[in-house]
N, C-alpha and C. Protein backbone atom coordinates (compact mmCIF):
# COMPACT_ATOMS: atom_id res chain seq x y z
N MET A 1 17.42 -36.14 2.30
CA MET A 1 18.08 -35.94 1.49
C MET A 1 18.86 -34.81 1.29
N LYS A 2 20.34 -35.22 0.98
CA LYS A 2 21.15 -33.69 0.83
C LYS A 2 20.95 -33.60 -0.56
N ASN A 3 21.38 -32.28 -0.96
CA ASN A 3 21.38 -31.74 -2.12
C ASN A 3 22.19 -30.60 -2.36
N LYS A 4 22.63 -30.02 -3.80
CA LYS A 4 23.26 -29.07 -4.08
C LYS A 4 22.81 -28.08 -4.64
N ILE A 5 21.36 -27.88 -4.68
CA ILE A 5 20.76 -27.26 -5.46
C ILE A 5 21.42 -25.64 -5.35
N LYS A 6 21.52 -25.49 -3.79
CA LYS A 6 21.97 -24.15 -3.79
C LYS A 6 23.46 -23.66 -4.47
N VAL A 7 24.29 -24.69 -4.58
CA VAL A 7 25.62 -24.45 -5.44
C VAL A 7 25.34 -24.25 -6.84
N PHE A 8 24.43 -25.01 -7.39
CA PHE A 8 23.89 -25.20 -8.73
C PHE A 8 23.36 -23.77 -8.97
N ARG A 9 22.41 -23.12 -8.13
CA ARG A 9 21.79 -22.13 -8.48
C ARG A 9 22.90 -20.84 -8.44
N ALA A 10 23.85 -20.83 -7.77
CA ALA A 10 24.78 -20.07 -7.48
C ALA A 10 25.47 -19.88 -8.90
N MET A 11 25.77 -21.13 -9.45
CA MET A 11 26.59 -21.28 -10.74
C MET A 11 26.12 -20.68 -11.68
N HIS A 12 24.58 -20.81 -11.72
CA HIS A 12 23.98 -20.51 -12.85
C HIS A 12 23.23 -19.09 -12.59
N ASN A 13 23.66 -18.35 -11.43
CA ASN A 13 23.05 -17.20 -11.11
C ASN A 13 21.81 -16.83 -10.95
N LEU A 14 21.25 -18.10 -10.30
CA LEU A 14 19.62 -17.92 -10.34
C LEU A 14 18.93 -18.08 -8.73
N THR A 15 17.95 -17.15 -8.87
CA THR A 15 17.52 -17.22 -7.35
C THR A 15 16.42 -18.07 -6.82
N GLN A 16 16.15 -18.18 -5.89
CA GLN A 16 15.35 -19.48 -5.43
C GLN A 16 13.72 -19.20 -6.13
N ASP A 17 13.45 -17.92 -6.24
CA ASP A 17 12.24 -17.51 -6.95
C ASP A 17 12.38 -17.89 -8.29
N ALA A 18 13.41 -17.72 -8.97
CA ALA A 18 13.39 -17.82 -10.64
C ALA A 18 13.33 -19.40 -10.73
N LEU A 19 13.96 -20.15 -10.00
CA LEU A 19 14.25 -21.65 -10.00
C LEU A 19 12.50 -22.12 -9.77
N ALA A 20 12.12 -21.61 -8.74
CA ALA A 20 10.77 -22.04 -8.49
C ALA A 20 9.58 -21.77 -9.76
N GLN A 21 9.84 -20.57 -10.20
CA GLN A 21 9.02 -20.22 -11.58
C GLN A 21 9.12 -21.42 -12.54
N GLU A 22 10.46 -21.56 -12.85
CA GLU A 22 10.75 -22.36 -13.80
C GLU A 22 10.33 -23.89 -13.75
N MET A 23 10.37 -24.41 -12.45
CA MET A 23 10.07 -25.50 -12.04
C MET A 23 8.17 -25.79 -11.56
N GLY A 24 7.66 -24.45 -11.75
CA GLY A 24 6.21 -24.26 -11.60
C GLY A 24 5.93 -24.85 -9.77
N VAL A 25 6.75 -24.58 -9.04
CA VAL A 25 6.39 -24.48 -7.64
C VAL A 25 6.78 -23.25 -6.96
N ALA A 26 6.29 -23.40 -5.73
CA ALA A 26 6.60 -22.14 -4.64
C ALA A 26 8.05 -22.18 -4.43
N ARG A 27 8.57 -20.74 -4.27
CA ARG A 27 9.85 -20.31 -3.70
C ARG A 27 9.96 -21.25 -2.47
N GLN A 28 9.07 -21.23 -1.73
CA GLN A 28 9.05 -22.00 -0.30
C GLN A 28 9.64 -23.59 -0.53
N THR A 29 9.10 -23.97 -1.55
CA THR A 29 9.26 -25.38 -1.86
C THR A 29 10.70 -25.44 -2.08
N ILE A 30 11.13 -24.68 -3.15
CA ILE A 30 12.96 -24.65 -3.08
C ILE A 30 13.56 -24.46 -2.03
N LEU A 31 13.09 -23.57 -0.97
CA LEU A 31 13.81 -23.02 0.25
C LEU A 31 13.78 -24.81 0.97
N ALA A 32 12.47 -25.32 1.16
CA ALA A 32 12.44 -26.16 1.99
C ALA A 32 13.18 -27.75 1.64
N ILE A 33 13.42 -27.69 0.28
CA ILE A 33 14.22 -28.87 -0.58
C ILE A 33 15.75 -28.63 -0.11
N GLU A 34 16.10 -27.23 -0.23
CA GLU A 34 17.64 -26.70 -0.04
C GLU A 34 18.23 -26.99 1.43
N LYS A 35 16.96 -26.98 2.22
CA LYS A 35 17.15 -27.03 3.73
C LYS A 35 17.14 -28.58 4.13
N GLY A 36 16.80 -29.36 3.10
CA GLY A 36 16.49 -30.80 3.48
C GLY A 36 15.15 -30.96 4.31
N LYS A 37 14.25 -30.17 4.53
CA LYS A 37 13.09 -30.34 5.19
C LYS A 37 12.03 -31.10 4.25
N TYR A 38 12.25 -31.14 3.01
CA TYR A 38 11.37 -31.46 1.98
C TYR A 38 12.14 -32.50 0.84
N ASP A 39 11.68 -33.63 0.76
CA ASP A 39 12.11 -34.24 -0.50
C ASP A 39 11.47 -34.12 -1.77
N PRO A 40 12.08 -33.64 -2.80
CA PRO A 40 11.19 -33.36 -3.86
C PRO A 40 10.57 -34.72 -4.46
N SER A 41 9.58 -34.64 -5.35
CA SER A 41 9.29 -35.93 -6.10
C SER A 41 10.34 -36.15 -7.12
N LEU A 42 10.11 -37.19 -7.58
CA LEU A 42 10.98 -37.80 -8.56
C LEU A 42 10.97 -36.95 -9.92
N ASP A 43 9.85 -36.78 -10.23
CA ASP A 43 9.57 -35.99 -11.50
C ASP A 43 10.18 -34.44 -11.21
N LEU A 44 9.98 -33.99 -9.95
CA LEU A 44 10.85 -32.64 -9.67
C LEU A 44 12.37 -32.58 -9.60
N ALA A 45 12.71 -33.73 -9.32
CA ALA A 45 14.07 -34.10 -8.78
C ALA A 45 14.85 -33.90 -10.15
N PHE A 46 14.25 -34.74 -11.15
CA PHE A 46 14.49 -34.82 -12.49
C PHE A 46 14.67 -33.44 -13.37
N LYS A 47 13.54 -32.96 -13.12
CA LYS A 47 13.49 -31.48 -13.68
C LYS A 47 14.43 -30.69 -13.14
N ILE A 48 14.71 -30.62 -11.90
CA ILE A 48 15.90 -29.90 -11.71
C ILE A 48 17.34 -30.12 -12.12
N ALA A 49 17.51 -31.42 -12.03
CA ALA A 49 18.78 -31.81 -12.28
C ALA A 49 18.95 -31.66 -14.22
N ARG A 50 17.77 -31.63 -14.91
CA ARG A 50 17.69 -31.37 -16.40
C ARG A 50 18.19 -29.80 -16.30
N ARG A 51 17.32 -29.10 -15.68
CA ARG A 51 17.76 -27.46 -15.65
C ARG A 51 19.02 -27.25 -15.71
N PHE A 52 19.81 -27.79 -14.77
CA PHE A 52 21.21 -27.61 -14.52
C PHE A 52 21.99 -28.33 -15.56
N GLY A 53 21.68 -29.23 -16.52
CA GLY A 53 22.52 -30.00 -17.47
C GLY A 53 23.20 -31.19 -16.62
N VAL A 54 22.83 -31.73 -15.51
CA VAL A 54 23.69 -32.25 -14.92
C VAL A 54 22.55 -33.64 -14.86
N ASN A 55 23.66 -34.88 -14.20
CA ASN A 55 22.85 -36.01 -13.64
C ASN A 55 22.20 -35.89 -12.48
N ILE A 56 21.13 -36.53 -12.22
CA ILE A 56 20.19 -36.34 -10.88
C ILE A 56 21.11 -36.67 -9.57
N ASN A 57 22.25 -37.29 -9.62
CA ASN A 57 23.13 -38.06 -8.83
C ASN A 57 24.07 -36.76 -8.49
N ASP A 58 24.20 -35.99 -9.21
CA ASP A 58 25.11 -34.51 -9.00
C ASP A 58 24.37 -33.71 -8.08
N VAL A 59 23.22 -33.60 -8.27
CA VAL A 59 22.30 -32.70 -7.43
C VAL A 59 21.68 -33.24 -6.32
N PHE A 60 21.33 -34.56 -6.04
CA PHE A 60 20.99 -35.10 -4.96
C PHE A 60 21.56 -36.34 -4.51
N MET A 61 21.89 -36.29 -3.24
CA MET A 61 22.62 -37.43 -2.55
C MET A 61 21.76 -38.16 -1.69
N TYR A 62 21.27 -39.49 -1.73
CA TYR A 62 20.40 -40.04 -0.99
C TYR A 62 21.15 -40.60 0.52
N ASP A 63 20.52 -40.14 1.68
CA ASP A 63 21.31 -40.38 2.92
C ASP A 63 20.67 -41.70 3.60
N GLU A 64 21.56 -42.67 3.56
CA GLU A 64 20.93 -43.82 4.06
C GLU A 64 21.01 -43.70 5.72
N ILE A 65 20.06 -44.11 6.25
CA ILE A 65 19.90 -44.04 7.69
C ILE A 65 20.47 -45.16 8.38
């Protein structure tokens, strides 16, 4: 799944570590999600979108194979 977490983090001047702490996950989790190596749970995806004040579809794009 593609995402724009890095873009939204930059817009909000947030580090991976700061976002991870707010979400209650490890920094490595945020890194893996950003690189597309890990798909977040639906709950975490919604929490991330809410954190940036946007719709989940603005952050995550489902890549159909």
